[in-house]
Amino acid sequence: MANNGSDKTPKPRKRAAKRSLGVSKTTRVLVLNRAKYRCEKCGVPLSETLYYSLHHRTPRGMGGSRQARLNLPSNLVAICGSGTTGCHGGIESNRSIAEDEGWLVSRYQEVAEVPLQIWGVGWRYLTDEGEYSLTPP
């Protein structure tokens, strides 16, 4: 019987490398250390048993973003809850108030130049070095 090539096993497709849309471990540690492992909005201690998240002040948008600036410490805050619970839920469900308080920042603004009121600290700017500042960059 002649082999016409139809009995060949198809080669597996190569998968595209996954691109990281998330926050690096180093940046996560910087933000959590800056917050002293407390919610930067209400002050509740963040622990392994309490759900917390790193909130993007300038949102990444649906499906993430390739813009590295969105995952910098100046754009991230450690807060309790998820997108629907705790302080994170409060920010997402009261967006105009969150914008007034600096928890949400328009894509057309420079996030490092927008202060926000940090629990127990007061109004501060966030730096890309993972610190609070009294003055804008």
Protein backbone atom coordinates (compact mmCIF):
# COMPACT_ATOMS: atom_id res chain seq x y z
CA MET A 1 0.00 0.00 0.00
CA ALA A 2 1.41 3.37 -0.97
CA ASN A 3 1.96 6.07 1.63
CA ASN A 4 0.35 9.29 0.41
CA GLY A 5 1.32 11.24 3.53
CA SER A 6 -2.14 11.16 5.09
CA ASP A 7 -1.06 8.96 8.00
CA LYS A 8 1.43 11.50 9.35
CA THR A 9 0.84 12.75 12.82
CA PRO A 10 0.30 16.53 12.77
CA LYS A 11 2.93 18.58 14.50
CA PRO A 12 1.75 20.37 17.64
CA ARG A 13 1.27 24.11 17.24
CA LYS A 14 3.72 26.39 18.92
CA ARG A 15 2.04 28.49 21.56
CA ALA A 16 2.78 32.17 21.80
CA ALA A 17 4.74 33.08 24.88
CA LYS A 18 2.53 34.40 27.64
CA ARG A 19 2.96 38.09 28.21
CA SER A 20 2.88 39.32 31.73
CA LEU A 21 0.13 41.84 32.40
CA GLY A 22 0.55 41.77 36.14
CA VAL A 23 2.62 43.35 38.82
CA SER A 24 6.11 41.96 39.40
CA LYS A 25 6.89 40.34 42.72
CA THR A 26 9.45 43.09 43.47
CA THR A 27 6.87 45.83 42.90
CA ARG A 28 4.26 43.96 44.97
CA VAL A 29 6.69 43.81 47.91
CA LEU A 30 7.54 47.54 47.52
CA VAL A 31 3.86 48.50 47.63
CA LEU A 32 3.02 46.21 50.56
CA ASN A 33 6.04 47.46 52.52
CA ARG A 34 5.07 51.08 51.83
CA ALA A 35 1.60 50.27 53.19
CA LYS A 36 3.09 48.42 56.17
CA TYR A 37 0.81 45.54 55.14
CA ARG A 38 -2.31 47.61 55.88
CA CYS A 39 -5.08 48.80 53.60
CA GLU A 40 -3.94 52.23 52.46
CA LYS A 41 -7.56 53.43 52.43
CA CYS A 42 -8.96 52.20 55.77
CA GLY A 43 -5.95 50.85 57.69
CA VAL A 44 -7.16 47.28 58.24
CA PRO A 45 -4.22 44.86 58.48
CA LEU A 46 -3.68 42.82 55.33
CA SER A 47 -2.87 39.20 55.97
CA GLU A 48 -3.03 35.85 54.32
CA THR A 49 -6.52 35.33 55.72
CA LEU A 50 -7.95 38.68 54.52
CA TYR A 51 -8.46 39.17 50.82
CA TYR A 52 -6.56 42.16 49.49
CA SER A 53 -5.50 43.45 46.13
CA LEU A 54 -3.17 45.91 44.50
CA HIS A 55 -5.46 48.48 42.97
CA HIS A 56 -4.40 50.28 39.78
CA ARG A 57 -5.18 53.98 40.21
CA THR A 58 -5.09 54.37 36.42
CA PRO A 59 -6.96 51.25 35.33
CA ARG A 60 -5.33 48.74 33.00
CA GLY A 61 -8.52 48.35 30.97
CA MET A 62 -10.24 45.24 29.74
CA GLY A 63 -7.72 42.52 28.96
CA GLY A 64 -4.78 44.31 30.54
CA SER A 65 -2.25 46.60 28.96
CA ARG A 66 1.31 46.52 27.68
CA GLN A 67 2.01 49.92 29.25
CA ALA A 68 4.66 49.28 31.89
CA ARG A 69 3.82 52.54 33.69
CA LEU A 70 0.51 51.04 34.83
CA ASN A 71 2.35 48.52 37.03
CA LEU A 72 4.66 51.04 38.73
CA PRO A 73 4.40 51.65 42.49
CA SER A 74 3.09 55.20 41.88
CA ASN A 75 0.02 53.66 40.21
CA LEU A 76 -0.60 50.93 42.78
CA VAL A 77 -2.17 50.93 46.23
CA ALA A 78 -2.63 48.03 48.64
CA ILE A 79 -6.28 47.84 49.63
CA CYS A 80 -8.60 45.37 51.28
CA GLY A 81 -11.17 43.48 49.27
CA SER A 82 -11.64 42.55 45.66
CA GLY A 83 -13.18 44.58 42.88
CA THR A 84 -16.58 44.04 44.52
CA THR A 85 -15.79 43.87 48.25
CA GLY A 86 -14.00 45.96 50.87
CA CYS A 87 -12.32 49.25 49.97
CA HIS A 88 -11.57 48.00 46.47
CA GLY A 89 -15.27 47.42 45.89
CA GLY A 90 -16.04 50.86 47.31
CA ILE A 91 -13.63 52.50 44.90
CA GLU A 92 -15.06 50.64 41.91
CA SER A 93 -18.71 51.35 42.83
CA ASN A 94 -18.18 55.05 43.71
CA ARG A 95 -15.88 56.08 40.88
CA SER A 96 -16.54 59.85 40.93
CA ILE A 97 -15.77 60.05 44.67
CA ALA A 98 -12.71 57.83 44.14
CA GLU A 99 -11.47 60.23 41.43
CA ASP A 100 -11.92 63.23 43.77
CA GLU A 101 -9.90 61.40 46.45
CA GLY A 102 -7.11 60.27 44.09
CA TRP A 103 -7.92 56.56 44.21
CA LEU A 104 -8.76 56.63 40.50
CA VAL A 105 -6.74 58.67 38.01
CA SER A 106 -7.59 59.42 34.39
CA ARG A 107 -5.30 58.07 31.67
CA TYR A 108 -4.78 61.69 30.65
CA GLN A 109 -3.21 62.65 33.98
CA GLU A 110 0.23 61.80 35.30
CA VAL A 111 -0.57 59.49 38.20
CA ALA A 112 2.53 60.48 40.22
CA GLU A 113 1.23 64.09 40.22
CA VAL A 114 -2.13 63.19 41.79
CA PRO A 115 -2.12 62.92 45.61
CA LEU A 116 -4.42 60.67 47.60
CA GLN A 117 -5.34 60.48 51.25
CA ILE A 118 -3.58 57.54 52.87
CA TRP A 119 -5.01 56.17 56.10
CA GLY A 120 -2.90 57.27 59.06
CA VAL A 121 -0.56 59.32 56.86
CA GLY A 122 -2.64 62.04 55.16
CA TRP A 123 -2.49 63.43 51.64
CA ARG A 124 0.58 62.11 49.83
CA TYR A 125 2.01 61.47 46.40
CA LEU A 126 3.24 57.98 45.56
CA THR A 127 6.72 57.50 44.14
CA ASP A 128 8.03 54.82 41.81
CA GLU A 129 10.53 53.91 44.54
CA GLY A 130 7.63 52.68 46.70
CA GLU A 131 7.47 55.63 49.11
CA TYR A 132 5.14 58.45 50.12
CA SER A 133 6.08 62.04 49.30
CA LEU A 134 4.74 65.39 50.45
CA THR A 135 5.65 66.93 47.09
CA PRO A 136 4.95 65.89 43.51
CA PRO A 137 7.86 64.61 41.39
